[in-house]
């Protein structure tokens, strides 16, 4: 973790403070710009990082959950489609749709 003295947090570009808050790390804009690749590796490992501007939270780096591939036939047997599913609708029902 990157930790700099709190006295160095004076402006937007000189915000070096890093602190842990509820499993999240808070870093200033300057540190985020300087160490972005390191921060991204930490985020990829599951950490959340808050980027502050002037001591206030401005953005949050969070991991993206991978899109899982779909398994064909996963719900087989759960849903039953009746034999007449594709049959034309009755005229009474069609009239209700056209109103």
N, C-alpha and C. Protein backbone atom coordinates (compact mmCIF):
# COMPACT_ATOMS: atom_id res chain seq x y z
N UNK A 1 0.84 -1.17 0.00
CA UNK A 1 0.00 0.00 0.00
C UNK A 1 0.89 1.23 0.00
N UNK A 2 0.46 2.27 -0.70
CA UNK A 2 1.20 3.52 -0.79
C UNK A 2 0.75 4.41 0.35
N UNK A 3 1.65 4.81 1.24
CA UNK A 3 1.29 5.70 2.34
C UNK A 3 2.27 6.85 2.37
N UNK A 4 1.73 8.06 2.27
CA UNK A 4 2.53 9.28 2.33
C UNK A 4 2.05 10.10 3.52
N UNK A 5 2.88 10.99 4.04
CA UNK A 5 2.47 11.82 5.16
C UNK A 5 1.25 12.67 4.82
N UNK A 6 0.36 12.84 5.79
CA UNK A 6 -0.85 13.61 5.59
C UNK A 6 -0.55 15.07 5.28
N UNK A 7 0.58 15.58 5.71
CA UNK A 7 0.94 16.97 5.46
C UNK A 7 1.12 17.27 3.97
N UNK A 8 1.30 16.23 3.16
CA UNK A 8 1.49 16.44 1.74
C UNK A 8 0.17 16.61 0.99
N UNK A 9 -0.96 16.43 1.66
CA UNK A 9 -2.26 16.57 0.99
C UNK A 9 -2.70 18.02 1.06
N UNK A 10 -2.29 18.80 0.08
CA UNK A 10 -2.63 20.22 0.09
C UNK A 10 -3.49 20.62 -1.08
N UNK A 11 -3.31 20.03 -2.23
CA UNK A 11 -4.09 20.46 -3.38
C UNK A 11 -4.48 19.26 -4.22
N UNK A 12 -5.22 19.55 -5.27
CA UNK A 12 -5.72 18.50 -6.14
C UNK A 12 -4.59 17.65 -6.73
N UNK A 13 -3.52 18.28 -7.17
CA UNK A 13 -2.44 17.54 -7.81
C UNK A 13 -1.41 17.03 -6.82
N UNK A 14 -1.45 17.45 -5.57
CA UNK A 14 -0.47 17.00 -4.59
C UNK A 14 -1.12 16.17 -3.49
N UNK A 15 -2.21 15.50 -3.82
CA UNK A 15 -2.91 14.68 -2.84
C UNK A 15 -2.28 13.30 -2.80
N UNK A 16 -1.40 13.05 -1.81
CA UNK A 16 -0.66 11.79 -1.72
C UNK A 16 -1.23 10.82 -0.70
N UNK A 17 -2.25 11.23 0.03
CA UNK A 17 -2.73 10.43 1.14
C UNK A 17 -3.33 9.11 0.66
N UNK A 18 -3.01 8.06 1.37
CA UNK A 18 -3.63 6.75 1.13
C UNK A 18 -4.03 6.18 2.47
N UNK A 19 -5.26 5.80 2.60
CA UNK A 19 -5.71 5.21 3.85
C UNK A 19 -6.73 4.13 3.56
N UNK A 20 -6.85 3.18 4.45
CA UNK A 20 -7.80 2.10 4.27
C UNK A 20 -9.09 2.41 5.02
N UNK A 21 -10.20 2.33 4.30
CA UNK A 21 -11.52 2.58 4.89
C UNK A 21 -12.41 1.41 4.51
N UNK A 22 -12.78 0.59 5.47
CA UNK A 22 -13.70 -0.53 5.23
C UNK A 22 -13.29 -1.36 4.02
N UNK A 23 -12.09 -1.87 4.01
CA UNK A 23 -11.56 -2.70 2.93
C UNK A 23 -11.41 -1.94 1.62
N UNK A 24 -11.47 -0.62 1.67
CA UNK A 24 -11.22 0.18 0.47
C UNK A 24 -10.00 1.05 0.73
N UNK A 25 -9.25 1.30 -0.30
CA UNK A 25 -8.09 2.16 -0.19
C UNK A 25 -8.45 3.50 -0.82
N UNK A 26 -8.03 4.57 -0.18
CA UNK A 26 -8.29 5.92 -0.67
C UNK A 26 -6.97 6.54 -1.11
N UNK A 27 -6.91 6.99 -2.36
CA UNK A 27 -5.70 7.63 -2.86
C UNK A 27 -6.08 8.93 -3.56
N UNK A 28 -5.14 9.87 -3.55
CA UNK A 28 -5.36 11.14 -4.23
C UNK A 28 -5.17 11.02 -5.73
N UNK A 29 -5.56 12.05 -6.44
CA UNK A 29 -5.47 12.06 -7.89
C UNK A 29 -4.03 11.89 -8.36
N UNK A 30 -3.10 12.56 -7.73
CA UNK A 30 -1.70 12.48 -8.16
C UNK A 30 -1.17 11.06 -8.02
N UNK A 31 -1.44 10.43 -6.91
CA UNK A 31 -1.00 9.04 -6.70
C UNK A 31 -1.67 8.13 -7.72
N UNK A 32 -2.95 8.35 -7.98
CA UNK A 32 -3.66 7.51 -8.95
C UNK A 32 -3.05 7.65 -10.34
N UNK A 33 -2.70 8.89 -10.72
CA UNK A 33 -2.08 9.09 -12.04
C UNK A 33 -0.70 8.45 -12.10
N UNK A 34 0.06 8.60 -11.03
CA UNK A 34 1.43 8.10 -11.00
C UNK A 34 1.48 6.58 -10.94
N UNK A 35 0.57 5.96 -10.21
CA UNK A 35 0.62 4.52 -9.96
C UNK A 35 -0.60 3.77 -10.50
N UNK A 36 -1.17 4.25 -11.61
CA UNK A 36 -2.40 3.65 -12.13
C UNK A 36 -2.26 2.16 -12.40
N UNK A 37 -1.15 1.73 -13.02
CA UNK A 37 -1.03 0.29 -13.32
C UNK A 37 -0.98 -0.55 -12.06
N UNK A 38 -0.31 -0.07 -11.02
CA UNK A 38 -0.29 -0.80 -9.74
C UNK A 38 -1.69 -0.88 -9.15
N UNK A 39 -2.40 0.25 -9.19
CA UNK A 39 -3.76 0.27 -8.64
C UNK A 39 -4.67 -0.67 -9.41
N UNK A 40 -4.52 -0.72 -10.73
CA UNK A 40 -5.35 -1.62 -11.53
C UNK A 40 -5.07 -3.08 -11.22
N UNK A 41 -3.80 -3.42 -10.94
CA UNK A 41 -3.48 -4.80 -10.55
C UNK A 41 -4.16 -5.15 -9.23
N UNK A 42 -4.18 -4.20 -8.30
CA UNK A 42 -4.84 -4.43 -7.01
C UNK A 42 -6.35 -4.59 -7.18
N UNK A 43 -6.92 -3.78 -8.08
CA UNK A 43 -8.36 -3.88 -8.36
C UNK A 43 -8.67 -5.22 -9.00
N UNK A 44 -7.82 -5.67 -9.92
CA UNK A 44 -8.02 -6.97 -10.56
C UNK A 44 -7.97 -8.10 -9.55
N UNK A 45 -7.24 -7.89 -8.45
CA UNK A 45 -7.15 -8.89 -7.39
C UNK A 45 -8.35 -8.82 -6.44
N UNK A 46 -9.27 -7.87 -6.68
CA UNK A 46 -10.49 -7.82 -5.88
C UNK A 46 -10.62 -6.62 -4.96
N UNK A 47 -9.63 -5.76 -4.91
CA UNK A 47 -9.67 -4.59 -4.03
C UNK A 47 -10.50 -3.47 -4.65
N UNK A 48 -11.09 -2.62 -3.82
CA UNK A 48 -11.77 -1.41 -4.29
C UNK A 48 -10.93 -0.22 -3.88
N UNK A 49 -10.76 0.74 -4.79
CA UNK A 49 -9.93 1.91 -4.52
C UNK A 49 -10.73 3.16 -4.81
N UNK A 50 -10.73 4.10 -3.86
CA UNK A 50 -11.41 5.37 -4.02
C UNK A 50 -10.37 6.43 -4.37
N UNK A 51 -10.63 7.18 -5.43
CA UNK A 51 -9.75 8.28 -5.82
C UNK A 51 -10.38 9.56 -5.32
N UNK A 52 -9.57 10.34 -4.57
CA UNK A 52 -10.09 11.58 -4.00
C UNK A 52 -9.54 12.78 -4.73
N UNK A 53 -10.33 13.83 -4.70
CA UNK A 53 -9.92 15.11 -5.28
C UNK A 53 -10.16 16.16 -4.20
N UNK A 54 -9.10 16.76 -3.73
CA UNK A 54 -9.22 17.74 -2.66
C UNK A 54 -9.72 17.12 -1.37
N UNK A 55 -9.41 15.84 -1.15
CA UNK A 55 -9.82 15.15 0.07
C UNK A 55 -11.23 14.57 0.02
N UNK A 56 -11.95 14.81 -1.06
CA UNK A 56 -13.31 14.28 -1.20
C UNK A 56 -13.33 13.16 -2.24
N UNK A 57 -14.10 12.11 -2.01
CA UNK A 57 -14.18 11.02 -2.99
C UNK A 57 -14.67 11.53 -4.34
N UNK A 58 -13.97 11.16 -5.40
CA UNK A 58 -14.33 11.60 -6.74
C UNK A 58 -14.66 10.42 -7.66
N UNK A 59 -14.01 9.30 -7.44
CA UNK A 59 -14.24 8.12 -8.29
C UNK A 59 -13.88 6.87 -7.51
N UNK A 60 -14.37 5.75 -8.00
CA UNK A 60 -14.07 4.47 -7.34
C UNK A 60 -13.67 3.46 -8.40
N UNK A 61 -12.53 2.83 -8.20
CA UNK A 61 -12.08 1.74 -9.07
C UNK A 61 -12.55 0.44 -8.45
N UNK A 62 -13.34 -0.31 -9.20
CA UNK A 62 -13.86 -1.59 -8.70
C UNK A 62 -13.61 -2.67 -9.75
N UNK A 63 -13.46 -3.91 -9.30
CA UNK A 63 -13.23 -4.99 -10.27
C UNK A 63 -14.49 -5.25 -11.09
N UNK A 64 -14.28 -5.62 -12.34
CA UNK A 64 -15.38 -6.02 -13.21
C UNK A 64 -15.50 -7.53 -13.11
N UNK A 65 -16.69 -7.98 -12.82
CA UNK A 65 -16.90 -9.43 -12.72
C UNK A 65 -16.92 -10.03 -14.12
N UNK A 66 -16.21 -11.11 -14.33
CA UNK A 66 -16.15 -11.69 -15.67
C UNK A 66 -17.52 -12.21 -16.11
N UNK A 67 -17.79 -12.08 -17.41
CA UNK A 67 -19.04 -12.59 -17.96
C UNK A 67 -18.88 -14.09 -18.11
N UNK A 68 -19.71 -14.82 -17.44
CA UNK A 68 -19.62 -16.28 -17.50
C UNK A 68 -20.26 -16.78 -18.79
N UNK A 69 -19.68 -17.81 -19.35
CA UNK A 69 -20.26 -18.37 -20.56
C UNK A 69 -21.56 -19.08 -20.21
N UNK A 70 -22.49 -19.03 -21.12
CA UNK A 70 -23.79 -19.66 -20.89
C UNK A 70 -23.72 -21.14 -21.25
N UNK A 71 -24.41 -21.92 -20.47
CA UNK A 71 -24.44 -23.36 -20.72
C UNK A 71 -25.75 -23.70 -21.41
N UNK A 72 -25.69 -24.21 -22.62
CA UNK A 72 -26.88 -24.57 -23.37
C UNK A 72 -27.63 -25.71 -22.68
N UNK A 73 -28.93 -25.53 -22.53
CA UNK A 73 -29.76 -26.57 -21.93
C UNK A 73 -29.76 -26.57 -20.41
N UNK A 74 -29.28 -25.51 -19.80
CA UNK A 74 -29.18 -25.44 -18.34
C UNK A 74 -30.56 -25.59 -17.67
N UNK A 75 -31.60 -25.00 -18.27
CA UNK A 75 -32.94 -25.05 -17.69
C UNK A 75 -33.82 -26.15 -18.29
N UNK A 76 -33.22 -27.08 -18.97
CA UNK A 76 -34.00 -28.16 -19.59
C UNK A 76 -34.82 -28.89 -18.52
N UNK A 77 -36.11 -29.04 -18.83
CA UNK A 77 -37.00 -29.74 -17.91
C UNK A 77 -37.66 -28.82 -16.89
N UNK A 78 -37.21 -27.58 -16.75
CA UNK A 78 -37.78 -26.65 -15.79
C UNK A 78 -39.03 -25.99 -16.38
N UNK A 79 -39.00 -25.70 -17.66
CA UNK A 79 -40.09 -25.00 -18.34
C UNK A 79 -40.72 -25.93 -19.35
N UNK A 80 -42.04 -25.96 -19.37
CA UNK A 80 -42.75 -26.80 -20.33
C UNK A 80 -43.48 -25.91 -21.32
N UNK A 81 -43.22 -26.08 -22.60
CA UNK A 81 -43.92 -25.35 -23.65
C UNK A 81 -44.99 -26.27 -24.22
N UNK A 82 -46.27 -25.84 -24.13
CA UNK A 82 -47.35 -26.72 -24.61
C UNK A 82 -47.29 -26.94 -26.12
N UNK A 83 -47.88 -28.02 -26.58
CA UNK A 83 -47.84 -28.37 -28.00
C UNK A 83 -48.45 -27.29 -28.88
N UNK A 84 -49.52 -26.64 -28.47
CA UNK A 84 -50.20 -25.64 -29.30
C UNK A 84 -49.65 -24.23 -29.12
N UNK A 85 -48.44 -24.08 -28.63
CA UNK A 85 -47.86 -22.77 -28.34
C UNK A 85 -47.82 -21.86 -29.58
N UNK A 86 -47.47 -22.43 -30.74
CA UNK A 86 -47.33 -21.64 -31.96
C UNK A 86 -48.62 -21.54 -32.77
N UNK A 87 -49.71 -22.10 -32.29
CA UNK A 87 -50.98 -22.03 -33.02
C UNK A 87 -51.46 -20.58 -33.10
N UNK A 88 -52.21 -20.23 -34.18
CA UNK A 88 -52.74 -18.88 -34.29
C UNK A 88 -53.69 -18.57 -33.11
N UNK A 89 -53.72 -17.29 -32.72
CA UNK A 89 -54.61 -16.88 -31.62
C UNK A 89 -56.06 -16.87 -32.08
N UNK A 90 -56.95 -17.02 -31.12
CA UNK A 90 -58.38 -16.95 -31.41
C UNK A 90 -58.72 -15.52 -31.83
N UNK A 91 -59.76 -15.36 -32.66
CA UNK A 91 -60.17 -14.04 -33.14
C UNK A 91 -60.51 -13.11 -31.98
N UNK A 92 -61.12 -13.65 -30.91
CA UNK A 92 -61.49 -12.84 -29.75
C UNK A 92 -60.24 -12.21 -29.13
N UNK A 93 -59.16 -12.98 -29.00
CA UNK A 93 -57.92 -12.47 -28.44
C UNK A 93 -57.27 -11.46 -29.38
N UNK A 94 -57.28 -11.73 -30.67
CA UNK A 94 -56.71 -10.80 -31.64
C UNK A 94 -57.42 -9.47 -31.60
N UNK A 95 -58.75 -9.48 -31.45
CA UNK A 95 -59.55 -8.24 -31.37
C UNK A 95 -59.11 -7.43 -30.15
N UNK A 96 -58.84 -8.11 -29.04
CA UNK A 96 -58.40 -7.40 -27.82
C UNK A 96 -57.04 -6.74 -28.02
N UNK A 97 -56.16 -7.34 -28.79
CA UNK A 97 -54.83 -6.75 -29.05
C UNK A 97 -54.95 -5.53 -29.98
N UNK A 98 -55.91 -5.55 -30.88
CA UNK A 98 -56.03 -4.49 -31.87
C UNK A 98 -56.76 -3.27 -31.37
N UNK A 99 -57.36 -3.31 -30.21
CA UNK A 99 -58.09 -2.13 -29.68
C UNK A 99 -57.18 -1.03 -29.34
